[in-house]
PDB file of N, CA and C in Angstrom:
ATOM      1  N   ALA A   1      75.752 103.413   7.676  1.00  0.00           N
ATOM      2  CA  ALA A   1      75.698 104.865   7.831  1.00  0.00           C
ATOM      3  C   ALA A   1      76.405 105.526   6.652  1.00  0.00           C
ATOM      4  N   VAL A   2      75.912 106.659   6.265  1.00  0.00           N
ATOM      5  CA  VAL A   2      76.527 107.429   5.188  1.00  0.00           C
ATOM      6  C   VAL A   2      77.718 108.181   5.767  1.00  0.00           C
ATOM      7  N   GLU A   3      78.866 108.088   5.119  1.00  0.00           N
ATOM      8  CA  GLU A   3      80.057 108.788   5.589  1.00  0.00           C
ATOM      9  C   GLU A   3      79.921 110.282   5.333  1.00  0.00           C
ATOM     10  N   ALA A   4      80.159 111.081   6.347  1.00  0.00           N
ATOM     11  CA  ALA A   4      80.135 112.543   6.246  1.00  0.00           C
ATOM     12  C   ALA A   4      81.389 113.044   6.950  1.00  0.00           C
ATOM     13  N   PRO A   5      82.452 113.319   6.210  1.00  0.00           N
ATOM     14  CA  PRO A   5      83.711 113.713   6.834  1.00  0.00           C
ATOM     15  C   PRO A   5      83.526 114.849   7.832  1.00  0.00           C
ATOM     16  N   ASP A   6      84.186 114.721   8.969  1.00  0.00           N
ATOM     17  CA  ASP A   6      84.205 115.744  10.017  1.00  0.00           C
ATOM     18  C   ASP A   6      82.854 116.000  10.670  1.00  0.00           C
ATOM     19  N   GLN A   7      81.909 115.087  10.517  1.00  0.00           N
ATOM     20  CA  GLN A   7      80.596 115.249  11.142  1.00  0.00           C
ATOM     21  C   GLN A   7      80.266 114.008  11.967  1.00  0.00           C
ATOM     22  N   PRO A   8      79.508 114.168  13.063  1.00  0.00           N
ATOM     23  CA  PRO A   8      79.079 113.006  13.837  1.00  0.00           C
ATOM     24  C   PRO A   8      78.201 112.096  12.990  1.00  0.00           C
ATOM     25  N   GLN A   9      78.278 110.798  13.272  1.00  0.00           N
ATOM     26  CA  GLN A   9      77.452 109.829  12.568  1.00  0.00           C
ATOM     27  C   GLN A   9      76.778 108.933  13.588  1.00  0.00           C
ATOM     28  N   ARG A  10      75.490 108.668  13.401  1.00  0.00           N
ATOM     29  CA  ARG A  10      74.799 107.689  14.226  1.00  0.00           C
ATOM     30  C   ARG A  10      74.892 106.355  13.519  1.00  0.00           C
ATOM     31  N   LEU A  11      75.334 105.337  14.245  1.00  0.00           N
ATOM     32  CA  LEU A  11      75.530 104.014  13.676  1.00  0.00           C
ATOM     33  C   LEU A  11      74.577 103.025  14.339  1.00  0.00           C
ATOM     34  N   GLY A  12      73.810 102.302  13.560  1.00  0.00           N
ATOM     35  CA  GLY A  12      72.997 101.214  14.072  1.00  0.00           C
ATOM     36  C   GLY A  12      72.155 101.529  15.289  1.00  0.00           C
ATOM     37  N   PRO A  13      71.226 102.472  15.201  1.00  0.00           N
ATOM     38  CA  PRO A  13      70.397 102.770  16.364  1.00  0.00           C
ATOM     39  C   PRO A  13      69.512 101.585  16.739  1.00  0.00           C
ATOM     40  N   LEU A  14      69.258 101.454  18.031  1.00  0.00           N
ATOM     41  CA  LEU A  14      68.348 100.441  18.561  1.00  0.00           C
ATOM     42  C   LEU A  14      67.133 101.192  19.074  1.00  0.00           C
ATOM     43  N   GLY A  15      66.086 101.224  18.287  1.00  0.00           N
ATOM     44  CA  GLY A  15      64.923 102.038  18.626  1.00  0.00           C
ATOM     45  C   GLY A  15      65.067 103.425  18.012  1.00  0.00           C
ATOM     46  N   GLU A  16      64.032 104.231  18.158  1.00  0.00           N
ATOM     47  CA  GLU A  16      64.060 105.605  17.642  1.00  0.00           C
ATOM     48  C   GLU A  16      64.078 106.555  18.818  1.00  0.00           C
ATOM     49  N   ARG A  17      65.210 107.207  19.039  1.00  0.00           N
ATOM     50  CA  ARG A  17      65.361 108.006  20.254  1.00  0.00           C
ATOM     51  C   ARG A  17      64.386 109.172  20.348  1.00  0.00           C
ATOM     52  N   ALA A  18      63.886 109.667  19.241  1.00  0.00           N
ATOM     53  CA  ALA A  18      62.911 110.759  19.294  1.00  0.00           C
ATOM     54  C   ALA A  18      61.519 110.260  19.694  1.00  0.00           C
ATOM     55  N   LYS A  19      61.325 108.927  19.687  1.00  0.00           N
ATOM     56  CA  LYS A  19      60.007 108.366  19.989  1.00  0.00           C
ATOM     57  C   LYS A  19      59.945 107.617  21.313  1.00  0.00           C
ATOM     58  N   GLY A  20      61.099 107.191  21.844  1.00  0.00           N
ATOM     59  CA  GLY A  20      61.086 106.428  23.088  1.00  0.00           C
ATOM     60  C   GLY A  20      62.424 105.796  23.374  1.00  0.00           C
ATOM     61  N   PRO A  21      62.436 104.707  24.150  1.00  0.00           N
ATOM     62  CA  PRO A  21      63.692 104.074  24.534  1.00  0.00           C
ATOM     63  C   PRO A  21      64.547 103.724  23.319  1.00  0.00           C
ATOM     64  N   ALA A  22      65.855 103.994  23.444  1.00  0.00           N
ATOM     65  CA  ALA A  22      66.749 103.719  22.319  1.00  0.00           C
ATOM     66  C   ALA A  22      68.196 103.661  22.789  1.00  0.00           C
ATOM     67  N   GLY A  23      69.003 103.041  21.959  1.00  0.00           N
ATOM     68  CA  GLY A  23      70.454 103.054  22.112  1.00  0.00           C
ATOM     69  C   GLY A  23      71.031 103.503  20.785  1.00  0.00           C
ATOM     70  N   THR A  24      71.938 104.446  20.815  1.00  0.00           N
ATOM     71  CA  THR A  24      72.513 104.993  19.587  1.00  0.00           C
ATOM     72  C   THR A  24      74.025 104.980  19.682  1.00  0.00           C
ATOM     73  N   LEU A  25      74.683 104.377  18.700  1.00  0.00           N
ATOM     74  CA  LEU A  25      76.135 104.479  18.601  1.00  0.00           C
ATOM     75  C   LEU A  25      76.450 105.751  17.835  1.00  0.00           C
ATOM     76  N   LEU A  26      77.265 106.597  18.422  1.00  0.00           N
ATOM     77  CA  LEU A  26      77.649 107.859  17.797  1.00  0.00           C
ATOM     78  C   LEU A  26      79.140 107.822  17.514  1.00  0.00           C
ATOM     79  N   LYS A  27      79.519 108.048  16.263  1.00  0.00           N
ATOM     80  CA  LYS A  27      80.925 108.084  15.865  1.00  0.00           C
ATOM     81  C   LYS A  27      81.252 109.495  15.415  1.00  0.00           C
ATOM     82  N   VAL A  28      82.328 110.065  15.977  1.00  0.00           N
ATOM     83  CA  VAL A  28      82.757 111.414  15.595  1.00  0.00           C
ATOM     84  C   VAL A  28      84.236 111.379  15.235  1.00  0.00           C
ATOM     85  N   PRO A  29      84.691 112.300  14.388  1.00  0.00           N
ATOM     86  CA  PRO A  29      86.108 112.329  14.021  1.00  0.00           C
ATOM     87  C   PRO A  29      86.980 112.786  15.192  1.00  0.00           C
ATOM     88  N   GLY A  30      88.251 112.446  15.123  1.00  0.00           N
ATOM     89  CA  GLY A  30      89.199 112.908  16.128  1.00  0.00           C
ATOM     90  C   GLY A  30      89.227 114.429  16.191  1.00  0.00           C
ATOM     91  N   ASN A  31      89.493 114.954  17.383  1.00  0.00           N
ATOM     92  CA  ASN A  31      89.575 116.402  17.628  1.00  0.00           C
ATOM     93  C   ASN A  31      88.264 117.132  17.349  1.00  0.00           C
ATOM     94  N   TRP A  32      87.151 116.436  17.432  1.00  0.00           N
ATOM     95  CA  TRP A  32      85.826 117.028  17.210  1.00  0.00           C
ATOM     96  C   TRP A  32      85.306 117.615  18.514  1.00  0.00           C
ATOM     97  N   ARG A  33      84.558 118.702  18.421  1.00  0.00           N
ATOM     98  CA  ARG A  33      83.906 119.280  19.597  1.00  0.00           C
ATOM     99  C   ARG A  33      82.483 119.671  19.238  1.00  0.00           C
ATOM    100  N   ALA A  34      81.556 119.306  20.100  1.00  0.00           N
ATOM    101  CA  ALA A  34      80.148 119.656  19.903  1.00  0.00           C
ATOM    102  C   ALA A  34      79.927 121.109  20.275  1.00  0.00           C
ATOM    103  N   PRO A  35      78.887 121.726  19.739  1.00  0.00           N
ATOM    104  CA  PRO A  35      78.479 123.026  20.277  1.00  0.00           C
ATOM    105  C   PRO A  35      77.813 122.791  21.637  1.00  0.00           C
ATOM    106  N   VAL A  36      77.744 123.810  22.455  1.00  0.00           N
ATOM    107  CA  VAL A  36      77.014 123.709  23.720  1.00  0.00           C
ATOM    108  C   VAL A  36      75.581 123.307  23.383  1.00  0.00           C
ATOM    109  N   HIS A  37      75.027 122.347  24.140  1.00  0.00           N
ATOM    110  CA  HIS A  37      73.704 121.825  23.824  1.00  0.00           C
ATOM    111  C   HIS A  37      73.075 121.176  25.055  1.00  0.00           C
ATOM    112  N   ALA A  38      71.824 120.766  24.906  1.00  0.00           N
ATOM    113  CA  ALA A  38      71.097 120.016  25.934  1.00  0.00           C
ATOM    114  C   ALA A  38      70.179 119.025  25.228  1.00  0.00           C
ATOM    115  N   HIS A  39      69.529 118.184  26.022  1.00  0.00           N
ATOM    116  CA  HIS A  39      68.630 117.165  25.487  1.00  0.00           C
ATOM    117  C   HIS A  39      67.316 117.201  26.259  1.00  0.00           C
ATOM    118  N   THR A  40      66.270 116.711  25.630  1.00  0.00           N
ATOM    119  CA  THR A  40      64.941 116.736  26.237  1.00  0.00           C
ATOM    120  C   THR A  40      64.707 115.583  27.205  1.00  0.00           C
ATOM    121  N   ALA A  41      65.664 114.672  27.336  1.00  0.00           N
ATOM    122  CA  ALA A  41      65.536 113.535  28.253  1.00  0.00           C
ATOM    123  C   ALA A  41      66.884 113.244  28.897  1.00  0.00           C
ATOM    124  N   ASP A  42      66.841 112.591  30.054  1.00  0.00           N
ATOM    125  CA  ASP A  42      68.073 112.082  30.656  1.00  0.00           C
ATOM    126  C   ASP A  42      68.660 111.034  29.716  1.00  0.00           C
ATOM    127  N   TYR A  43      69.979 110.856  29.764  1.00  0.00           N
ATOM    128  CA  TYR A  43      70.597 109.750  29.040  1.00  0.00           C
ATOM    129  C   TYR A  43      71.792 109.222  29.809  1.00  0.00           C
ATOM    130  N   ARG A  44      72.205 108.026  29.424  1.00  0.00           N
ATOM    131  CA  ARG A  44      73.428 107.407  29.917  1.00  0.00           C
ATOM    132  C   ARG A  44      74.318 107.195  28.712  1.00  0.00           C
ATOM    133  N   ALA A  45      75.628 107.235  28.910  1.00  0.00           N
ATOM    134  CA  ALA A  45      76.543 107.050  27.785  1.00  0.00           C
ATOM    135  C   ALA A  45      77.757 106.244  28.225  1.00  0.00           C
ATOM    136  N   VAL A  46      78.307 105.474  27.286  1.00  0.00           N
ATOM    137  CA  VAL A  46      79.502 104.664  27.510  1.00  0.00           C
ATOM    138  C   VAL A  46      80.479 104.958  26.380  1.00  0.00           C
ATOM    139  N   VAL A  47      81.744 105.168  26.723  1.00  0.00           N
ATOM    140  CA  VAL A  47      82.784 105.374  25.710  1.00  0.00           C
ATOM    141  C   VAL A  47      83.232 104.004  25.210  1.00  0.00           C
ATOM    142  N   ILE A  48      83.139 103.800  23.910  1.00  0.00           N
ATOM    143  CA  ILE A  48      83.542 102.545  23.284  1.00  0.00           C
ATOM    144  C   ILE A  48      84.966 102.657  22.738  1.00  0.00           C
ATOM    145  N   GLU A  49      85.258 103.780  22.096  1.00  0.00           N
ATOM    146  CA  GLU A  49      86.559 103.962  21.435  1.00  0.00           C
ATOM    147  C   GLU A  49      86.972 105.426  21.532  1.00  0.00           C
ATOM    148  N   GLY A  50      88.250 105.678  21.754  1.00  0.00           N
ATOM    149  CA  GLY A  50      88.776 107.038  21.800  1.00  0.00           C
ATOM    150  C   GLY A  50      88.739 107.634  23.200  1.00  0.00           C
ATOM    151  N   LEU A  51      89.239 108.849  23.327  1.00  0.00           N
ATOM    152  CA  LEU A  51      89.227 109.583  24.594  1.00  0.00           C
ATOM    153  C   LEU A  51      88.195 110.695  24.486  1.00  0.00           C
ATOM    154  N   TRP A  52      87.147 110.613  25.284  1.00  0.00           N
ATOM    155  CA  TRP A  52      86.012 111.534  25.260  1.00  0.00           C
ATOM    156  C   TRP A  52      86.132 112.516  26.414  1.00  0.00           C
ATOM    157  N   ALA A  53      85.542 113.695  26.272  1.00  0.00           N
ATOM    158  CA  ALA A  53      85.440 114.658  27.370  1.00  0.00           C
ATOM    159  C   ALA A  53      83.999 115.137  27.458  1.00  0.00           C
ATOM    160  N   HIS A  54      83.539 115.345  28.687  1.00  0.00           N
ATOM    161  CA  HIS A  54      82.163 115.791  28.936  1.00  0.00           C
ATOM    162  C   HIS A  54      82.200 116.773  30.092  1.00  0.00           C
ATOM    163  N   TRP A  55      81.454 117.873  29.989  1.00  0.00           N
ATOM    164  CA  TRP A  55      81.398 118.836  31.091  1.00  0.00           C
ATOM    165  C   TRP A  55      80.115 119.634  31.057  1.00  0.00           C
ATOM    166  N   GLN A  56      79.703 120.065  32.259  1.00  0.00           N
ATOM    167  CA  GLN A  56      78.525 120.901  32.439  1.00  0.00           C
ATOM    168  C   GLN A  56      78.913 122.354  32.220  1.00  0.00           C
ATOM    169  N   MET A  57      78.029 123.126  31.630  1.00  0.00           N
ATOM    170  CA  MET A  57      78.340 124.530  31.362  1.00  0.00           C
ATOM    171  C   MET A  57      78.367 125.369  32.640  1.00  0.00           C
ATOM    172  N   ASP A  58      77.646 124.955  33.682  1.00  0.00           N
ATOM    173  CA  ASP A  58      77.661 125.757  34.906  1.00  0.00           C
ATOM    174  C   ASP A  58      79.028 125.741  35.590  1.00  0.00           C
ATOM    175  N   GLY A  59      79.848 124.736  35.308  1.00  0.00           N
ATOM    176  CA  GLY A  59      81.198 124.686  35.871  1.00  0.00           C
ATOM    177  C   GLY A  59      82.266 125.046  34.867  1.00  0.00           C
ATOM    178  N   GLY A  60      81.887 125.132  33.603  1.00  0.00           N
ATOM    179  CA  GLY A  60      82.827 125.473  32.549  1.00  0.00           C
ATOM    180  C   GLY A  60      83.774 124.338  32.198  1.00  0.00           C
ATOM    181  N   GLU A  61      84.578 124.578  31.168  1.00  0.00           N
ATOM    182  CA  GLU A  61      85.483 123.547  30.662  1.00  0.00           C
ATOM    183  C   GLU A  61      86.530 123.139  31.693  1.00  0.00           C
ATOM    184  N   ALA A  62      86.810 123.997  32.665  1.00  0.00           N
ATOM    185  CA  ALA A  62      87.773 123.646  33.712  1.00  0.00           C
ATOM    186  C   ALA A  62      87.321 122.407  34.491  1.00  0.00           C
ATOM    187  N   ASN A  63      86.028 122.114  34.463  1.00  0.00           N
ATOM    188  CA  ASN A  63      85.485 120.955  35.177  1.00  0.00           C
ATOM    189  C   ASN A  63      85.252 119.758  34.266  1.00  0.00           C
ATOM    190  N   ARG A  64      85.813 119.783  33.073  1.00  0.00           N
ATOM    191  CA  ARG A  64      85.582 118.661  32.161  1.00  0.00           C
ATOM    192  C   ARG A  64      86.187 117.382  32.735  1.00  0.00           C
ATOM    193  N   VAL A  65      85.545 116.286  32.400  1.00  0.00           N
ATOM    194  CA  VAL A  65      86.002 114.964  32.799  1.00  0.00           C
ATOM    195  C   VAL A  65      86.476 114.256  31.544  1.00  0.00           C
ATOM    196  N   GLU A  66      87.694 113.712  31.575  1.00  0.00           N
ATOM    197  CA  GLU A  66      88.215 112.944  30.445  1.00  0.00           C
ATOM    198  C   GLU A  66      87.874 111.479  30.664  1.00  0.00           C
ATOM    199  N   LEU A  67      87.304 110.866  29.632  1.00  0.00           N
ATOM    200  CA  LEU A  67      86.722 109.535  29.744  1.00  0.00           C
ATOM    201  C   LEU A  67      87.330 108.577  28.723  1.00  0.00           C
ATOM    202  N   PRO A  68      88.185 107.643  29.143  1.00  0.00           N
ATOM    203  CA  PRO A  68      88.743 106.649  28.227  1.00  0.00           C
ATOM    204  C   PRO A  68      87.721 105.540  27.948  1.00  0.00           C
ATOM    205  N   PRO A  69      88.006 104.642  27.000  1.00  0.00           N
ATOM    206  CA  PRO A  69      87.085 103.544  26.706  1.00  0.00           C
ATOM    207  C   PRO A  69      86.704 102.779  27.979  1.00  0.00           C
ATOM    208  N   GLY A  70      85.419 102.441  28.063  1.00  0.00           N
ATOM    209  CA  GLY A  70      84.889 101.747  29.226  1.00  0.00           C
ATOM    210  C   GLY A  70      84.291 102.688  30.254  1.00  0.00           C
ATOM    211  N   SER A  71      84.589 103.972  30.153  1.00  0.00           N
ATOM    212  CA  SER A  71      84.027 104.963  31.079  1.00  0.00           C
ATOM    213  C   SER A  71      82.575 105.245  30.719  1.00  0.00           C
ATOM    214  N   TYR A  72      81.832 105.739  31.693  1.00  0.00           N
ATOM    215  CA  TYR A  72      80.427 106.074  31.448  1.00  0.00           C
ATOM    216  C   TYR A  72      80.051 107.316  32.235  1.00  0.00           C
ATOM    217  N   TRP A  73      78.954 107.945  31.832  1.00  0.00           N
ATOM    218  CA  TRP A  73      78.421 109.104  32.542  1.00  0.00           C
ATOM    219  C   TRP A  73      76.923 109.176  32.312  1.00  0.00           C
ATOM    220  N   THR A  74      76.268 109.997  33.115  1.00  0.00           N
ATOM    221  CA  THR A  74      74.849 110.272  32.928  1.00  0.00           C
ATOM    222  C   THR A  74      74.673 111.771  32.735  1.00  0.00           C
ATOM    223  N   GLN A  75      73.634 112.121  32.020  1.00  0.00           N
ATOM    224  CA  GLN A  75      73.345 113.530  31.764  1.00  0.00           C
ATOM    225  C   GLN A  75      71.864 113.767  32.002  1.00  0.00           C
ATOM    226  N   LYS A  76      71.544 114.747  32.823  1.00  0.00           N
ATOM    227  CA  LYS A  76      70.152 115.106  33.101  1.00  0.00           C
ATOM    228  C   LYS A  76      69.568 115.923  31.947  1.00  0.00           C
ATOM    229  N   ALA A  77      68.288 115.766  31.736  1.00  0.00           N
ATOM    230  CA  ALA A  77      67.577 116.529  30.702  1.00  0.00           C
ATOM    231  C   ALA A  77      67.691 118.024  30.966  1.00  0.00           C
ATOM    232  N   ASP A  78      67.750 118.778  29.897  1.00  0.00           N
ATOM    233  CA  ASP A  78      67.686 120.242  29.906  1.00  0.00           C
ATOM    234  C   ASP A  78      68.857 120.934  30.610  1.00  0.00           C
ATOM    235  N   GLU A  79      69.952 120.234  30.864  1.00  0.00           N
ATOM    236  CA  GLU A  79      71.166 120.854  31.405  1.00  0.00           C
ATOM    237  C   GLU A  79      72.148 121.088  30.263  1.00  0.00           C
ATOM    238  N   MET A  80      72.521 122.344  30.056  1.00  0.00           N
ATOM    239  CA  MET A  80      73.478 122.656  28.999  1.00  0.00           C
ATOM    240  C   MET A  80      74.837 122.040  29.335  1.00  0.00           C
ATOM    241  N   HIS A  81      75.450 121.436  28.334  1.00  0.00           N
ATOM    242  CA  HIS A  81      76.740 120.780  28.515  1.00  0.00           C
ATOM    243  C   HIS A  81      77.486 120.768  27.190  1.00  0.00           C
ATOM    244  N   ASP A  82      78.697 120.254  27.226  1.00  0.00           N
ATOM    245  CA  ASP A  82      79.504 120.161  26.012  1.00  0.00           C
ATOM    246  C   ASP A  82      80.247 118.840  26.024  1.00  0.00           C
ATOM    247  N   ASP A  83      80.659 118.402  24.852  1.00  0.00           N
ATOM    248  CA  ASP A  83      81.372 117.146  24.664  1.00  0.00           C
ATOM    249  C   ASP A  83      82.449 117.343  23.616  1.00  0.00           C
ATOM    250  N   ALA A  84      83.490 116.511  23.697  1.00  0.00           N
ATOM    251  CA  ALA A  84      84.550 116.565  22.695  1.00  0.00           C
ATOM    252  C   ALA A  84      85.227 115.210  22.594  1.00  0.00           C
ATOM    253  N   CYS A  85      85.726 114.916  21.412  1.00  0.00           N
ATOM    254  CA  CYS A  85      86.600 113.765  21.191  1.00  0.00           C
ATOM    255  C   CYS A  85      88.024 114.307  21.259  1.00  0.00           C
ATOM    256  N   LEU A  86      88.768 113.910  22.281  1.00  0.00           N
ATOM    257  CA  LEU A  86      90.129 114.416  22.471  1.00  0.00           C
ATOM    258  C   LEU A  86      91.170 113.627  21.687  1.00  0.00           C
ATOM    259  N   SER A  87      90.783 112.473  21.171  1.00  0.00           N
ATOM    260  CA  SER A  87      91.702 111.618  20.421  1.00  0.00           C
ATOM    261  C   SER A  87      92.040 112.204  19.060  1.00  0.00           C
ATOM    262  N   GLN A  88      93.175 111.813  18.534  1.00  0.00           N
ATOM    263  CA  GLN A  88      93.532 112.150  17.158  1.00  0.00           C
ATOM    264  C   GLN A  88      92.686 111.325  16.185  1.00  0.00           C
ATOM    265  N   THR A  89      92.283 110.135  16.626  1.00  0.00           N
ATOM    266  CA  THR A  89      91.446 109.249  15.820  1.00  0.00           C
ATOM    267  C   THR A  89      90.008 109.335  16.318  1.00  0.00           C
ATOM    268  N   GLU A  90      89.075 108.746  15.585  1.00  0.00           N
ATOM    269  CA  GLU A  90      87.653 108.867  15.904  1.00  0.00           C
ATOM    270  C   GLU A  90      87.301 108.346  17.293  1.00  0.00           C
ATOM    271  N   CYS A  91      86.190 108.838  17.802  1.00  0.00           N
ATOM    272  CA  CYS A  91      85.601 108.366  19.056  1.00  0.00           C
ATOM    273  C   CYS A  91      84.254 107.724  18.737  1.00  0.00           C
ATOM    274  N   VAL A  92      83.918 106.694  19.500  1.00  0.00           N
ATOM    275  CA  VAL A  92      82.612 106.047  19.391  1.00  0.00           C
ATOM    276  C   VAL A  92      82.035 105.956  20.800  1.00  0.00           C
ATOM    277  N   ILE A  93      80.797 106.419  20.963  1.00  0.00           N
ATOM    278  CA  ILE A  93      80.107 106.312  22.247  1.00  0.00           C
ATOM    279  C   ILE A  93      78.734 105.691  22.027  1.00  0.00           C
ATOM    280  N   LEU A  94      78.216 105.069  23.078  1.00  0.00           N
ATOM    281  CA  LEU A  94      76.862 104.526  23.071  1.00  0.00           C
ATOM    282  C   LEU A  94      76.007 105.416  23.955  1.00  0.00           C
ATOM    283  N   LEU A  95      74.944 105.979  23.389  1.00  0.00           N
ATOM    284  CA  LEU A  95      73.987 106.822  24.114  1.00  0.00           C
ATOM    285  C   LEU A  95      72.719 106.013  24.346  1.00  0.00           C
ATOM    286  N   ILE A  96      72.206 106.010  25.590  1.00  0.00           N
ATOM    287  CA  ILE A  96      71.020 105.232  25.937  1.00  0.00           C
ATOM    288  C   ILE A  96      69.994 106.155  26.585  1.00  0.00           C
ATOM    289  N   ASN A  97      68.802 106.192  26.028  1.00  0.00           N
ATOM    290  CA  ASN A  97      67.718 106.992  26.607  1.00  0.00           C
ATOM    291  C   ASN A  97      66.497 106.114  26.830  1.00  0.00           C
ATOM    292  N   ASP A  98      65.722 106.447  27.879  1.00  0.00           N
ATOM    293  CA  ASP A  98      64.515 105.685  28.212  1.00  0.00           C
ATOM    294  C   ASP A  98      63.234 106.375  27.764  1.00  0.00           C
ATOM    295  N   THR A  99      63.299 107.677  27.537  1.00  0.00           N
ATOM    296  CA  THR A  99      62.130 108.451  27.110  1.00  0.00           C
ATOM    297  C   THR A  99      62.509 109.234  25.856  1.00  0.00           C
ATOM    298  N   PRO A 100      61.536 109.757  25.115  1.00  0.00           N
ATOM    299  CA  PRO A 100      61.856 110.488  23.883  1.00  0.00           C
ATOM    300  C   PRO A 100      62.938 111.548  24.111  1.00  0.00           C
ATOM    301  N   TYR A 101      63.813 111.680  23.134  1.00  0.00           N
ATOM    302  CA  TYR A 101      65.066 112.417  23.302  1.00  0.00           C
ATOM    303  C   TYR A 101      65.365 113.213  22.048  1.00  0.00           C
ATOM    304  N   GLU A 102      65.530 114.505  22.210  1.00  0.00           N
ATOM    305  CA  GLU A 102      65.990 115.356  21.114  1.00  0.00           C
ATOM    306  C   GLU A 102      67.074 116.272  21.651  1.00  0.00           C
ATOM    307  N   THR A 103      67.923 116.733  20.768  1.00  0.00           N
ATOM    308  CA  THR A 103      69.021 117.638  21.122  1.00  0.00           C
ATOM    309  C   THR A 103      68.643 119.053  20.711  1.00  0.00           C
ATOM    310  N   TYR A 104      68.989 120.037  21.546  1.00  0.00           N
ATOM    311  CA  TYR A 104      68.738 121.430  21.174  1.00  0.00           C
ATOM    312  C   TYR A 104      69.882 122.315  21.647  1.00  0.00           C
ATOM    313  N   LEU A 105      70.018 123.455  20.992  1.00  0.00           N
ATOM    314  CA  LEU A 105      71.059 124.441  21.293  1.00  0.00           C
ATOM    315  C   LEU A 105      70.482 125.550  22.165  1.00  0.00           C
ATOM    316  N   PRO A 106      71.336 126.301  22.883  1.00  0.00           N
ATOM    317  CA  PRO A 106      70.818 127.409  23.691  1.00  0.00           C
ATOM    318  C   PRO A 106      70.130 128.445  22.812  1.00  0.00           C
ATOM    319  N   LYS A 107      69.177 129.153  23.396  1.00  0.00           N
ATOM    320  CA  LYS A 107      68.452 130.185  22.645  1.00  0.00           C
ATOM    321  C   LYS A 107      69.239 131.464  22.625  1.00  0.00           C
TER     322      LYS A 107
END
């Protein structure tokens, strides 16, 4: 993967997530936060490294779940949510999708 400071990086994808089933390792810098977003398919995720946070926008950040390594979650398609790496050091997660998957921001 090409290093891009302070930006998420996809490492060693298994399959092409925009075309069908895939597994993607995502590495983000410490203290990183995603913009509010959704995906076109359901996915499952596992925290490999770092302390991750995930929450649905309908409940707000007060309902965020903190996820240490080994934790996992599922996300339904088209539900707006947010994610963050709470660690000072990078976070690595594995994202798994069974159907074509793209990320989009609210309109």
